[in-house]
Amino acid sequence: MAELAGDAVQNLVCSEAGLALSKMDKGADFEKKYEARFHTPVQIYAPFTYDAMKRANSIEAPKVLATIATTDYNGLTGHIAFDDKGDLKAGTITLYDFKDKKKDVLDVVKQ
């Protein structure tokens, strides 16, 4: 985005669902291990997928999906729990701006 926006990037604010990896208690450790294993930067939803697989104690999609509704888990991404409709309880949204053409955490909004 910074490349496409050019100098206008200084006026951008964007949001992503969830907590920024840099704000997760174990985010730096996860990032180091992920990049060492996969030789690529952490993809946006990798920490959330990791927590789902840890909660299910499986990498098999049916097992992971079966555990989501009953999840009440403290993981890499923080506390995860869902209401009776399947909506995330106490979710977060991270707001970013750009400094020196790099995405930077501006604020974290907790619901």
PDB file of N, CA and C in Angstrom:
ATOM      1  N   MET A   1       0.823  -1.173   0.000  1.00  0.00           N
ATOM      2  CA  MET A   1       0.000   0.000   0.000  1.00  0.00           C
ATOM      3  C   MET A   1       0.874   1.246   0.000  1.00  0.00           C
ATOM      4  N   ALA A   2       1.948   1.210   0.767  1.00  0.00           N
ATOM      5  CA  ALA A   2       2.819   2.381   0.844  1.00  0.00           C
ATOM      6  C   ALA A   2       3.422   2.712  -0.517  1.00  0.00           C
ATOM      7  N   GLU A   3       3.794   1.696  -1.263  1.00  0.00           N
ATOM      8  CA  GLU A   3       4.355   1.930  -2.599  1.00  0.00           C
ATOM      9  C   GLU A   3       3.328   2.550  -3.528  1.00  0.00           C
ATOM     10  N   LEU A   4       2.118   2.000  -3.521  1.00  0.00           N
ATOM     11  CA  LEU A   4       1.067   2.504  -4.405  1.00  0.00           C
ATOM     12  C   LEU A   4       0.636   3.920  -4.042  1.00  0.00           C
ATOM     13  N   ALA A   5       0.593   4.211  -2.757  1.00  0.00           N
ATOM     14  CA  ALA A   5       0.128   5.527  -2.310  1.00  0.00           C
ATOM     15  C   ALA A   5       1.175   6.622  -2.501  1.00  0.00           C
ATOM     16  N   GLY A   6       2.435   6.230  -2.577  1.00  0.00           N
ATOM     17  CA  GLY A   6       3.493   7.232  -2.723  1.00  0.00           C
ATOM     18  C   GLY A   6       3.511   8.189  -1.553  1.00  0.00           C
ATOM     19  N   ASP A   7       3.648   9.477  -1.842  1.00  0.00           N
ATOM     20  CA  ASP A   7       3.716  10.483  -0.772  1.00  0.00           C
ATOM     21  C   ASP A   7       2.401  10.626  -0.006  1.00  0.00           C
ATOM     22  N   ALA A   8       1.291  10.214  -0.625  1.00  0.00           N
ATOM     23  CA  ALA A   8      -0.015  10.308   0.037  1.00  0.00           C
ATOM     24  C   ALA A   8      -0.147   9.327   1.198  1.00  0.00           C
ATOM     25  N   VAL A   9       0.790   8.386   1.327  1.00  0.00           N
ATOM     26  CA  VAL A   9       0.730   7.405   2.407  1.00  0.00           C
ATOM     27  C   VAL A   9       0.735   8.079   3.777  1.00  0.00           C
ATOM     28  N   GLN A  10       1.280   9.264   3.855  1.00  0.00           N
ATOM     29  CA  GLN A  10       1.310   9.997   5.127  1.00  0.00           C
ATOM     30  C   GLN A  10      -0.088  10.364   5.607  1.00  0.00           C
ATOM     31  N   ASN A  11      -1.082  10.306   4.711  1.00  0.00           N
ATOM     32  CA  ASN A  11      -2.460  10.664   5.053  1.00  0.00           C
ATOM     33  C   ASN A  11      -3.347   9.443   5.252  1.00  0.00           C
ATOM     34  N   LEU A  12      -2.769   8.254   5.213  1.00  0.00           N
ATOM     35  CA  LEU A  12      -3.563   7.026   5.305  1.00  0.00           C
ATOM     36  C   LEU A  12      -3.670   6.505   6.729  1.00  0.00           C
ATOM     37  N   VAL A  13      -4.845   6.004   7.051  1.00  0.00           N
ATOM     38  CA  VAL A  13      -5.070   5.226   8.262  1.00  0.00           C
ATOM     39  C   VAL A  13      -5.843   4.000   7.802  1.00  0.00           C
ATOM     40  N   CYS A  14      -5.405   2.825   8.230  1.00  0.00           N
ATOM     41  CA  CYS A  14      -6.118   1.608   7.853  1.00  0.00           C
ATOM     42  C   CYS A  14      -6.359   0.766   9.100  1.00  0.00           C
ATOM     43  N   SER A  15      -7.233  -0.214   8.974  1.00  0.00           N
ATOM     44  CA  SER A  15      -7.554  -1.067  10.116  1.00  0.00           C
ATOM     45  C   SER A  15      -7.462  -2.525   9.713  1.00  0.00           C
ATOM     46  N   GLU A  16      -7.173  -3.367  10.701  1.00  0.00           N
ATOM     47  CA  GLU A  16      -7.164  -4.817  10.530  1.00  0.00           C
ATOM     48  C   GLU A  16      -7.840  -5.423  11.753  1.00  0.00           C
ATOM     49  N   ALA A  17      -8.630  -6.448  11.504  1.00  0.00           N
ATOM     50  CA  ALA A  17      -9.261  -7.159  12.615  1.00  0.00           C
ATOM     51  C   ALA A  17      -8.183  -7.861  13.425  1.00  0.00           C
ATOM     52  N   GLY A  18      -8.323  -7.798  14.723  1.00  0.00           N
ATOM     53  CA  GLY A  18      -7.388  -8.487  15.603  1.00  0.00           C
ATOM     54  C   GLY A  18      -6.279  -7.590  16.111  1.00  0.00           C
ATOM     55  N   LEU A  19      -5.504  -8.161  16.981  1.00  0.00           N
ATOM     56  CA  LEU A  19      -4.395  -7.460  17.619  1.00  0.00           C
ATOM     57  C   LEU A  19      -3.157  -7.568  16.744  1.00  0.00           C
ATOM     58  N   ALA A  20      -2.412  -6.494  16.623  1.00  0.00           N
ATOM     59  CA  ALA A  20      -1.170  -6.502  15.856  1.00  0.00           C
ATOM     60  C   ALA A  20      -0.177  -7.467  16.490  1.00  0.00           C
ATOM     61  N   LEU A  21       0.563  -8.164  15.673  1.00  0.00           N
ATOM     62  CA  LEU A  21       1.564  -9.112  16.150  1.00  0.00           C
ATOM     63  C   LEU A  21       2.523  -8.431  17.125  1.00  0.00           C
ATOM     64  N   SER A  22       2.884  -7.191  16.854  1.00  0.00           N
ATOM     65  CA  SER A  22       3.809  -6.460  17.725  1.00  0.00           C
ATOM     66  C   SER A  22       3.226  -6.167  19.100  1.00  0.00           C
ATOM     67  N   LYS A  23       1.906  -6.255  19.248  1.00  0.00           N
ATOM     68  CA  LYS A  23       1.248  -5.988  20.529  1.00  0.00           C
ATOM     69  C   LYS A  23       0.909  -7.258  21.300  1.00  0.00           C
ATOM     70  N   MET A  24       1.141  -8.431  20.694  1.00  0.00           N
ATOM     71  CA  MET A  24       0.875  -9.710  21.374  1.00  0.00           C
ATOM     72  C   MET A  24       2.031 -10.019  22.324  1.00  0.00           C
ATOM     73  N   ASP A  25       1.712 -10.510  23.521  1.00  0.00           N
ATOM     74  CA  ASP A  25       2.748 -10.803  24.510  1.00  0.00           C
ATOM     75  C   ASP A  25       3.846 -11.703  23.958  1.00  0.00           C
ATOM     76  N   LYS A  26       3.463 -12.693  23.168  1.00  0.00           N
ATOM     77  CA  LYS A  26       4.435 -13.646  22.626  1.00  0.00           C
ATOM     78  C   LYS A  26       4.625 -13.459  21.121  1.00  0.00           C
ATOM     79  N   GLY A  27       4.231 -12.299  20.615  1.00  0.00           N
ATOM     80  CA  GLY A  27       4.277 -12.040  19.183  1.00  0.00           C
ATOM     81  C   GLY A  27       5.677 -12.089  18.586  1.00  0.00           C
ATOM     82  N   ALA A  28       6.648 -11.498  19.255  1.00  0.00           N
ATOM     83  CA  ALA A  28       8.015 -11.469  18.726  1.00  0.00           C
ATOM     84  C   ALA A  28       8.591 -12.880  18.630  1.00  0.00           C
ATOM     85  N   ASP A  29       8.324 -13.697  19.637  1.00  0.00           N
ATOM     86  CA  ASP A  29       8.804 -15.079  19.628  1.00  0.00           C
ATOM     87  C   ASP A  29       8.127 -15.878  18.509  1.00  0.00           C
ATOM     88  N   PHE A  30       6.810 -15.684  18.351  1.00  0.00           N
ATOM     89  CA  PHE A  30       6.076 -16.360  17.281  1.00  0.00           C
ATOM     90  C   PHE A  30       6.644 -15.944  15.921  1.00  0.00           C
ATOM     91  N   GLU A  31       6.875 -14.656  15.746  1.00  0.00           N
ATOM     92  CA  GLU A  31       7.387 -14.151  14.473  1.00  0.00           C
ATOM     93  C   GLU A  31       8.746 -14.773  14.139  1.00  0.00           C
ATOM     94  N   LYS A  32       9.615 -14.838  15.127  1.00  0.00           N
ATOM     95  CA  LYS A  32      10.949 -15.410  14.929  1.00  0.00           C
ATOM     96  C   LYS A  32      10.857 -16.884  14.517  1.00  0.00           C
ATOM     97  N   LYS A  33      10.046 -17.656  15.227  1.00  0.00           N
ATOM     98  CA  LYS A  33       9.905 -19.084  14.914  1.00  0.00           C
ATOM     99  C   LYS A  33       9.229 -19.298  13.559  1.00  0.00           C
ATOM    100  N   TYR A  34       8.211 -18.500  13.265  1.00  0.00           N
ATOM    101  CA  TYR A  34       7.473 -18.620  11.999  1.00  0.00           C
ATOM    102  C   TYR A  34       8.404 -18.350  10.820  1.00  0.00           C
ATOM    103  N   GLU A  35       9.146 -17.258  10.887  1.00  0.00           N
ATOM    104  CA  GLU A  35      10.019 -16.892   9.778  1.00  0.00           C
ATOM    105  C   GLU A  35      11.172 -17.885   9.617  1.00  0.00           C
ATOM    106  N   ALA A  36      11.658 -18.446  10.715  1.00  0.00           N
ATOM    107  CA  ALA A  36      12.711 -19.456  10.634  1.00  0.00           C
ATOM    108  C   ALA A  36      12.191 -20.733   9.970  1.00  0.00           C
ATOM    109  N   ARG A  37      10.951 -21.084  10.265  1.00  0.00           N
ATOM    110  CA  ARG A  37      10.388 -22.328   9.708  1.00  0.00           C
ATOM    111  C   ARG A  37       9.910 -22.166   8.267  1.00  0.00           C
ATOM    112  N   PHE A  38       9.224 -21.072   7.968  1.00  0.00           N
ATOM    113  CA  PHE A  38       8.590 -20.920   6.655  1.00  0.00           C
ATOM    114  C   PHE A  38       9.356 -19.983   5.703  1.00  0.00           C
ATOM    115  N   HIS A  39      10.377 -19.314   6.194  1.00  0.00           N
ATOM    116  CA  HIS A  39      11.213 -18.423   5.379  1.00  0.00           C
ATOM    117  C   HIS A  39      10.401 -17.357   4.643  1.00  0.00           C
ATOM    118  N   THR A  40       9.417 -16.837   5.332  1.00  0.00           N
ATOM    119  CA  THR A  40       8.568 -15.776   4.793  1.00  0.00           C
ATOM    120  C   THR A  40       7.998 -14.980   5.966  1.00  0.00           C
ATOM    121  N   PRO A  41       7.661 -13.721   5.763  1.00  0.00           N
ATOM    122  CA  PRO A  41       7.054 -12.953   6.854  1.00  0.00           C
ATOM    123  C   PRO A  41       5.726 -13.564   7.299  1.00  0.00           C
ATOM    124  N   VAL A  42       5.361 -13.323   8.533  1.00  0.00           N
ATOM    125  CA  VAL A  42       4.107 -13.820   9.101  1.00  0.00           C
ATOM    126  C   VAL A  42       2.936 -13.244   8.313  1.00  0.00           C
ATOM    127  N   GLN A  43       2.046 -14.112   7.893  1.00  0.00           N
ATOM    128  CA  GLN A  43       0.836 -13.677   7.212  1.00  0.00           C
ATOM    129  C   GLN A  43      -0.153 -13.186   8.267  1.00  0.00           C
ATOM    130  N   ILE A  44      -1.042 -12.290   7.900  1.00  0.00           N
ATOM    131  CA  ILE A  44      -1.909 -11.584   8.843  1.00  0.00           C
ATOM    132  C   ILE A  44      -2.677 -12.487   9.810  1.00  0.00           C
ATOM    133  N   TYR A  45      -3.237 -13.589   9.324  1.00  0.00           N
ATOM    134  CA  TYR A  45      -4.067 -14.418  10.193  1.00  0.00           C
ATOM    135  C   TYR A  45      -3.339 -15.629  10.772  1.00  0.00           C
ATOM    136  N   ALA A  46      -2.042 -15.740  10.527  1.00  0.00           N
ATOM    137  CA  ALA A  46      -1.284 -16.885  11.031  1.00  0.00           C
ATOM    138  C   ALA A  46      -1.378 -17.051  12.551  1.00  0.00           C
ATOM    139  N   PRO A  47      -1.257 -15.983  13.360  1.00  0.00           N
ATOM    140  CA  PRO A  47      -1.364 -16.174  14.809  1.00  0.00           C
ATOM    141  C   PRO A  47      -2.734 -16.710  15.239  1.00  0.00           C
ATOM    142  N   PHE A  48      -3.789 -16.268  14.557  1.00  0.00           N
ATOM    143  CA  PHE A  48      -5.144 -16.698  14.904  1.00  0.00           C
ATOM    144  C   PHE A  48      -5.347 -18.171  14.509  1.00  0.00           C
ATOM    145  N   THR A  49      -4.812 -18.534  13.360  1.00  0.00           N
ATOM    146  CA  THR A  49      -4.885 -19.921  12.905  1.00  0.00           C
ATOM    147  C   THR A  49      -4.088 -20.817  13.836  1.00  0.00           C
ATOM    148  N   TYR A  50      -2.935 -20.342  14.258  1.00  0.00           N
ATOM    149  CA  TYR A  50      -2.100 -21.085  15.195  1.00  0.00           C
ATOM    150  C   TYR A  50      -2.874 -21.364  16.488  1.00  0.00           C
ATOM    151  N   ASP A  51      -3.516 -20.321  17.028  1.00  0.00           N
ATOM    152  CA  ASP A  51      -4.291 -20.506  18.253  1.00  0.00           C
ATOM    153  C   ASP A  51      -5.429 -21.510  18.055  1.00  0.00           C
ATOM    154  N   ALA A  52      -6.096 -21.446  16.910  1.00  0.00           N
ATOM    155  CA  ALA A  52      -7.198 -22.376  16.637  1.00  0.00           C
ATOM    156  C   ALA A  52      -6.691 -23.817  16.590  1.00  0.00           C
ATOM    157  N   MET A  53      -5.548 -24.027  15.960  1.00  0.00           N
ATOM    158  CA  MET A  53      -4.989 -25.383  15.884  1.00  0.00           C
ATOM    159  C   MET A  53      -4.513 -25.862  17.256  1.00  0.00           C
ATOM    160  N   LYS A  54      -3.920 -24.966  18.037  1.00  0.00           N
ATOM    161  CA  LYS A  54      -3.488 -25.338  19.389  1.00  0.00           C
ATOM    162  C   LYS A  54      -4.699 -25.701  20.243  1.00  0.00           C
ATOM    163  N   ARG A  55      -5.764 -24.927  20.140  1.00  0.00           N
ATOM    164  CA  ARG A  55      -6.985 -25.183  20.900  1.00  0.00           C
ATOM    165  C   ARG A  55      -7.564 -26.548  20.541  1.00  0.00           C
ATOM    166  N   ALA A  56      -7.552 -26.894  19.239  1.00  0.00           N
ATOM    167  CA  ALA A  56      -8.099 -28.167  18.773  1.00  0.00           C
ATOM    168  C   ALA A  56      -7.107 -29.316  18.948  1.00  0.00           C
ATOM    169  N   ASN A  57      -5.857 -28.972  19.232  1.00  0.00           N
ATOM    170  CA  ASN A  57      -4.795 -29.962  19.304  1.00  0.00           C
ATOM    171  C   ASN A  57      -4.731 -30.778  18.011  1.00  0.00           C
ATOM    172  N   SER A  58      -4.930 -30.072  16.888  1.00  0.00           N
ATOM    173  CA  SER A  58      -4.970 -30.738  15.587  1.00  0.00           C
ATOM    174  C   SER A  58      -4.767 -29.705  14.483  1.00  0.00           C
ATOM    175  N   ILE A  59      -4.314 -30.190  13.316  1.00  0.00           N
ATOM    176  CA  ILE A  59      -4.254 -29.340  12.130  1.00  0.00           C
ATOM    177  C   ILE A  59      -5.339 -29.728  11.133  1.00  0.00           C
ATOM    178  N   GLU A  60      -6.153 -30.694  11.499  1.00  0.00           N
ATOM    179  CA  GLU A  60      -7.232 -31.158  10.620  1.00  0.00           C
ATOM    180  C   GLU A  60      -8.417 -30.199  10.710  1.00  0.00           C
ATOM    181  N   ALA A  61      -8.842 -29.677   9.548  1.00  0.00           N
ATOM    182  CA  ALA A  61      -9.904 -28.664   9.495  1.00  0.00           C
ATOM    183  C   ALA A  61     -11.170 -29.066  10.254  1.00  0.00           C
ATOM    184  N   PRO A  62     -11.702 -30.287  10.081  1.00  0.00           N
ATOM    185  CA  PRO A  62     -12.936 -30.636  10.813  1.00  0.00           C
ATOM    186  C   PRO A  62     -12.769 -30.560  12.336  1.00  0.00           C
ATOM    187  N   LYS A  63     -11.614 -30.957  12.829  1.00  0.00           N
ATOM    188  CA  LYS A  63     -11.374 -30.897  14.279  1.00  0.00           C
ATOM    189  C   LYS A  63     -11.239 -29.452  14.751  1.00  0.00           C
ATOM    190  N   VAL A  64     -10.561 -28.641  13.959  1.00  0.00           N
ATOM    191  CA  VAL A  64     -10.409 -27.225  14.317  1.00  0.00           C
ATOM    192  C   VAL A  64     -11.771 -26.545  14.322  1.00  0.00           C
ATOM    193  N   LEU A  65     -12.560 -26.756  13.279  1.00  0.00           N
ATOM    194  CA  LEU A  65     -13.888 -26.138  13.196  1.00  0.00           C
ATOM    195  C   LEU A  65     -14.803 -26.582  14.328  1.00  0.00           C
ATOM    196  N   ALA A  66     -14.700 -27.844  14.732  1.00  0.00           N
ATOM    197  CA  ALA A  66     -15.557 -28.371  15.793  1.00  0.00           C
ATOM    198  C   ALA A  66     -15.279 -27.713  17.146  1.00  0.00           C
ATOM    199  N   THR A  67     -14.080 -27.201  17.335  1.00  0.00           N
ATOM    200  CA  THR A  67     -13.741 -26.605  18.633  1.00  0.00           C
ATOM    201  C   THR A  67     -14.027 -25.110  18.715  1.00  0.00           C
ATOM    202  N   ILE A  68     -14.216 -24.471  17.574  1.00  0.00           N
ATOM    203  CA  ILE A  68     -14.354 -23.007  17.582  1.00  0.00           C
ATOM    204  C   ILE A  68     -15.515 -22.523  18.443  1.00  0.00           C
ATOM    205  N   ALA A  69     -16.675 -23.112  18.297  1.00  0.00           N
ATOM    206  CA  ALA A  69     -17.860 -22.645  19.037  1.00  0.00           C
ATOM    207  C   ALA A  69     -17.694 -22.733  20.548  1.00  0.00           C
ATOM    208  N   THR A  70     -16.916 -23.683  21.019  1.00  0.00           N
ATOM    209  CA  THR A  70     -16.754 -23.868  22.465  1.00  0.00           C
ATOM    210  C   THR A  70     -15.438 -23.301  22.990  1.00  0.00           C
ATOM    211  N   THR A  71     -14.774 -22.532  22.171  1.00  0.00           N
ATOM    212  CA  THR A  71     -13.469 -21.999  22.551  1.00  0.00           C
ATOM    213  C   THR A  71     -13.577 -20.984  23.678  1.00  0.00           C
ATOM    214  N   ASP A  72     -12.765 -21.190  24.675  1.00  0.00           N
ATOM    215  CA  ASP A  72     -12.525 -20.249  25.759  1.00  0.00           C
ATOM    216  C   ASP A  72     -11.067 -20.491  26.111  1.00  0.00           C
ATOM    217  N   TYR A  73     -10.187 -19.766  25.427  1.00  0.00           N
ATOM    218  CA  TYR A  73      -8.783 -20.140  25.376  1.00  0.00           C
ATOM    219  C   TYR A  73      -7.891 -18.906  25.484  1.00  0.00           C
ATOM    220  N   ASN A  74      -6.823 -19.026  26.249  1.00  0.00           N
ATOM    221  CA  ASN A  74      -5.805 -17.983  26.324  1.00  0.00           C
ATOM    222  C   ASN A  74      -4.629 -18.425  25.475  1.00  0.00           C
ATOM    223  N   GLY A  75      -4.433 -17.747  24.365  1.00  0.00           N
ATOM    224  CA  GLY A  75      -3.387 -18.148  23.433  1.00  0.00           C
ATOM    225  C   GLY A  75      -2.490 -16.993  23.049  1.00  0.00           C
ATOM    226  N   LEU A  76      -1.786 -17.182  21.967  1.00  0.00           N
ATOM    227  CA  LEU A  76      -0.877 -16.177  21.434  1.00  0.00           C
ATOM    228  C   LEU A  76      -1.581 -14.847  21.192  1.00  0.00           C
ATOM    229  N   THR A  77      -2.790 -14.915  20.672  1.00  0.00           N
ATOM    230  CA  THR A  77      -3.535 -13.708  20.320  1.00  0.00           C
ATOM    231  C   THR A  77      -4.282 -13.097  21.498  1.00  0.00           C
ATOM    232  N   GLY A  78      -4.206 -13.710  22.662  1.00  0.00           N
ATOM    233  CA  GLY A  78      -4.927 -13.236  23.840  1.00  0.00           C
ATOM    234  C   GLY A  78      -6.062 -14.175  24.180  1.00  0.00           C
ATOM    235  N   HIS A  79      -7.040 -13.674  24.900  1.00  0.00           N
ATOM    236  CA  HIS A  79      -8.186 -14.494  25.293  1.00  0.00           C
ATOM    237  C   HIS A  79      -9.181 -14.568  24.142  1.00  0.00           C
ATOM    238  N   ILE A  80      -9.597 -15.782  23.822  1.00  0.00           N
ATOM    239  CA  ILE A  80     -10.541 -16.007  22.729  1.00  0.00           C
ATOM    240  C   ILE A  80     -11.756 -16.735  23.274  1.00  0.00           C
ATOM    241  N   ALA A  81     -12.932 -16.177  23.028  1.00  0.00           N
ATOM    242  CA  ALA A  81     -14.190 -16.825  23.396  1.00  0.00           C
ATOM    243  C   ALA A  81     -15.266 -16.307  22.445  1.00  0.00           C
ATOM    244  N   PHE A  82     -16.292 -17.123  22.235  1.00  0.00           N
ATOM    245  CA  PHE A  82     -17.372 -16.775  21.319  1.00  0.00           C
ATOM    246  C   PHE A  82     -18.703 -16.815  22.045  1.00  0.00           C
ATOM    247  N   ASP A  83     -19.653 -15.979  21.594  1.00  0.00           N
ATOM    248  CA  ASP A  83     -20.987 -16.001  22.189  1.00  0.00           C
ATOM    249  C   ASP A  83     -21.829 -17.096  21.537  1.00  0.00           C
ATOM    250  N   ASP A  84     -23.099 -17.206  21.953  1.00  0.00           N
ATOM    251  CA  ASP A  84     -23.964 -18.281  21.463  1.00  0.00           C
ATOM    252  C   ASP A  84     -24.300 -18.152  19.974  1.00  0.00           C
ATOM    253  N   LYS A  85     -24.000 -17.010  19.370  1.00  0.00           N
ATOM    254  CA  LYS A  85     -24.229 -16.824  17.932  1.00  0.00           C
ATOM    255  C   LYS A  85     -22.960 -17.071  17.121  1.00  0.00           C
ATOM    256  N   GLY A  86     -21.859 -17.371  17.809  1.00  0.00           N
ATOM    257  CA  GLY A  86     -20.599 -17.604  17.121  1.00  0.00           C
ATOM    258  C   GLY A  86     -19.775 -16.358  16.893  1.00  0.00           C
ATOM    259  N   ASP A  87     -20.202 -15.240  17.494  1.00  0.00           N
ATOM    260  CA  ASP A  87     -19.452 -13.996  17.353  1.00  0.00           C
ATOM    261  C   ASP A  87     -18.359 -13.912  18.420  1.00  0.00           C
ATOM    262  N   LEU A  88     -17.230 -13.377  18.026  1.00  0.00           N
ATOM    263  CA  LEU A  88     -16.111 -13.218  18.937  1.00  0.00           C
ATOM    264  C   LEU A  88     -16.471 -12.259  20.064  1.00  0.00           C
ATOM    265  N   LYS A  89     -16.198 -12.660  21.288  1.00  0.00           N
ATOM    266  CA  LYS A  89     -16.390 -11.775  22.441  1.00  0.00           C
ATOM    267  C   LYS A  89     -15.127 -10.934  22.608  1.00  0.00           C
ATOM    268  N   ALA A  90     -15.305  -9.678  22.914  1.00  0.00           N
ATOM    269  CA  ALA A  90     -14.185  -8.772  23.227  1.00  0.00           C
ATOM    270  C   ALA A  90     -13.100  -8.793  22.161  1.00  0.00           C
ATOM    271  N   GLY A  91     -13.491  -8.622  20.921  1.00  0.00           N
ATOM    272  CA  GLY A  91     -12.526  -8.573  19.828  1.00  0.00           C
ATOM    273  C   GLY A  91     -11.750  -7.264  19.819  1.00  0.00           C
ATOM    274  N   THR A  92     -10.736  -7.218  18.999  1.00  0.00           N
ATOM    275  CA  THR A  92      -9.944  -6.001  18.860  1.00  0.00           C
ATOM    276  C   THR A  92      -9.783  -5.645  17.388  1.00  0.00           C
ATOM    277  N   ILE A  93      -9.568  -4.386  17.155  1.00  0.00           N
ATOM    278  CA  ILE A  93      -9.244  -3.878  15.819  1.00  0.00           C
ATOM    279  C   ILE A  93      -8.008  -3.013  15.995  1.00  0.00           C
ATOM    280  N   THR A  94      -7.014  -3.239  15.153  1.00  0.00           N
ATOM    281  CA  THR A  94      -5.796  -2.448  15.218  1.00  0.00           C
ATOM    282  C   THR A  94      -5.819  -1.406  14.104  1.00  0.00           C
ATOM    283  N   LEU A  95      -5.571  -0.161  14.481  1.00  0.00           N
ATOM    284  CA  LEU A  95      -5.487   0.941  13.519  1.00  0.00           C
ATOM    285  C   LEU A  95      -4.015   1.228  13.235  1.00  0.00           C
ATOM    286  N   TYR A  96      -3.718   1.456  11.969  1.00  0.00           N
ATOM    287  CA  TYR A  96      -2.351   1.722  11.545  1.00  0.00           C
ATOM    288  C   TYR A  96      -2.270   3.040  10.790  1.00  0.00           C
ATOM    289  N   ASP A  97      -1.138   3.696  10.915  1.00  0.00           N
ATOM    290  CA  ASP A  97      -0.783   4.778  10.016  1.00  0.00           C
ATOM    291  C   ASP A  97       0.573   4.393   9.421  1.00  0.00           C
ATOM    292  N   PHE A  98       1.181   5.282   8.697  1.00  0.00           N
ATOM    293  CA  PHE A  98       2.447   4.960   8.045  1.00  0.00           C
ATOM    294  C   PHE A  98       3.497   5.983   8.428  1.00  0.00           C
ATOM    295  N   LYS A  99       4.658   5.481   8.826  1.00  0.00           N
ATOM    296  CA  LYS A  99       5.803   6.323   9.164  1.00  0.00           C
ATOM    297  C   LYS A  99       6.966   5.836   8.325  1.00  0.00           C
ATOM    298  N   ASP A 100       7.597   6.748   7.619  1.00  0.00           N
ATOM    299  CA  ASP A 100       8.693   6.388   6.719  1.00  0.00           C
ATOM    300  C   ASP A 100       8.282   5.282   5.755  1.00  0.00           C
ATOM    301  N   LYS A 101       7.027   5.380   5.292  1.00  0.00           N
ATOM    302  CA  LYS A 101       6.435   4.442   4.325  1.00  0.00           C
ATOM    303  C   LYS A 101       6.330   3.008   4.856  1.00  0.00           C
ATOM    304  N   LYS A 102       6.316   2.858   6.187  1.00  0.00           N
ATOM    305  CA  LYS A 102       6.129   1.553   6.812  1.00  0.00           C
ATOM    306  C   LYS A 102       4.909   1.612   7.719  1.00  0.00           C
ATOM    307  N   LYS A 103       4.124   0.537   7.693  1.00  0.00           N
ATOM    308  CA  LYS A 103       2.919   0.449   8.520  1.00  0.00           C
ATOM    309  C   LYS A 103       3.323   0.444   9.987  1.00  0.00           C
ATOM    310  N   ASP A 104       2.625   1.260  10.781  1.00  0.00           N
ATOM    311  CA  ASP A 104       2.952   1.430  12.192  1.00  0.00           C
ATOM    312  C   ASP A 104       1.660   1.444  13.003  1.00  0.00           C
ATOM    313  N   VAL A 105       1.651   0.758  14.148  1.00  0.00           N
ATOM    314  CA  VAL A 105       0.457   0.713  14.991  1.00  0.00           C
ATOM    315  C   VAL A 105       0.148   2.111  15.518  1.00  0.00           C
ATOM    316  N   LEU A 106      -1.058   2.560  15.239  1.00  0.00           N
ATOM    317  CA  LEU A 106      -1.530   3.855  15.707  1.00  0.00           C
ATOM    318  C   LEU A 106      -2.305   3.692  17.004  1.00  0.00           C
ATOM    319  N   ASP A 107      -3.203   2.684  17.038  1.00  0.00           N
ATOM    320  CA  ASP A 107      -4.051   2.461  18.215  1.00  0.00           C
ATOM    321  C   ASP A 107      -4.666   1.072  18.135  1.00  0.00           C
ATOM    322  N   VAL A 108      -5.098   0.561  19.265  1.00  0.00           N
ATOM    323  CA  VAL A 108      -5.822  -0.706  19.338  1.00  0.00           C
ATOM    324  C   VAL A 108      -7.168  -0.409  19.984  1.00  0.00           C
ATOM    325  N   VAL A 109      -8.239  -0.783  19.294  1.00  0.00           N
ATOM    326  CA  VAL A 109      -9.596  -0.566  19.793  1.00  0.00           C
ATOM    327  C   VAL A 109     -10.149  -1.899  20.271  1.00  0.00           C
ATOM    328  N   LYS A 110     -10.508  -1.951  21.540  1.00  0.00           N
ATOM    329  CA  LYS A 110     -11.101  -3.179  22.092  1.00  0.00           C
ATOM    330  C   LYS A 110     -12.596  -3.025  22.136  1.00  0.00           C
ATOM    331  N   GLN A 111     -13.306  -4.049  21.706  1.00  0.00           N
ATOM    332  CA  GLN A 111     -14.762  -3.998  21.666  1.00  0.00           C
ATOM    333  C   GLN A 111     -15.351  -4.451  22.973  1.00  0.00           C
TER     334      GLN A 111
END
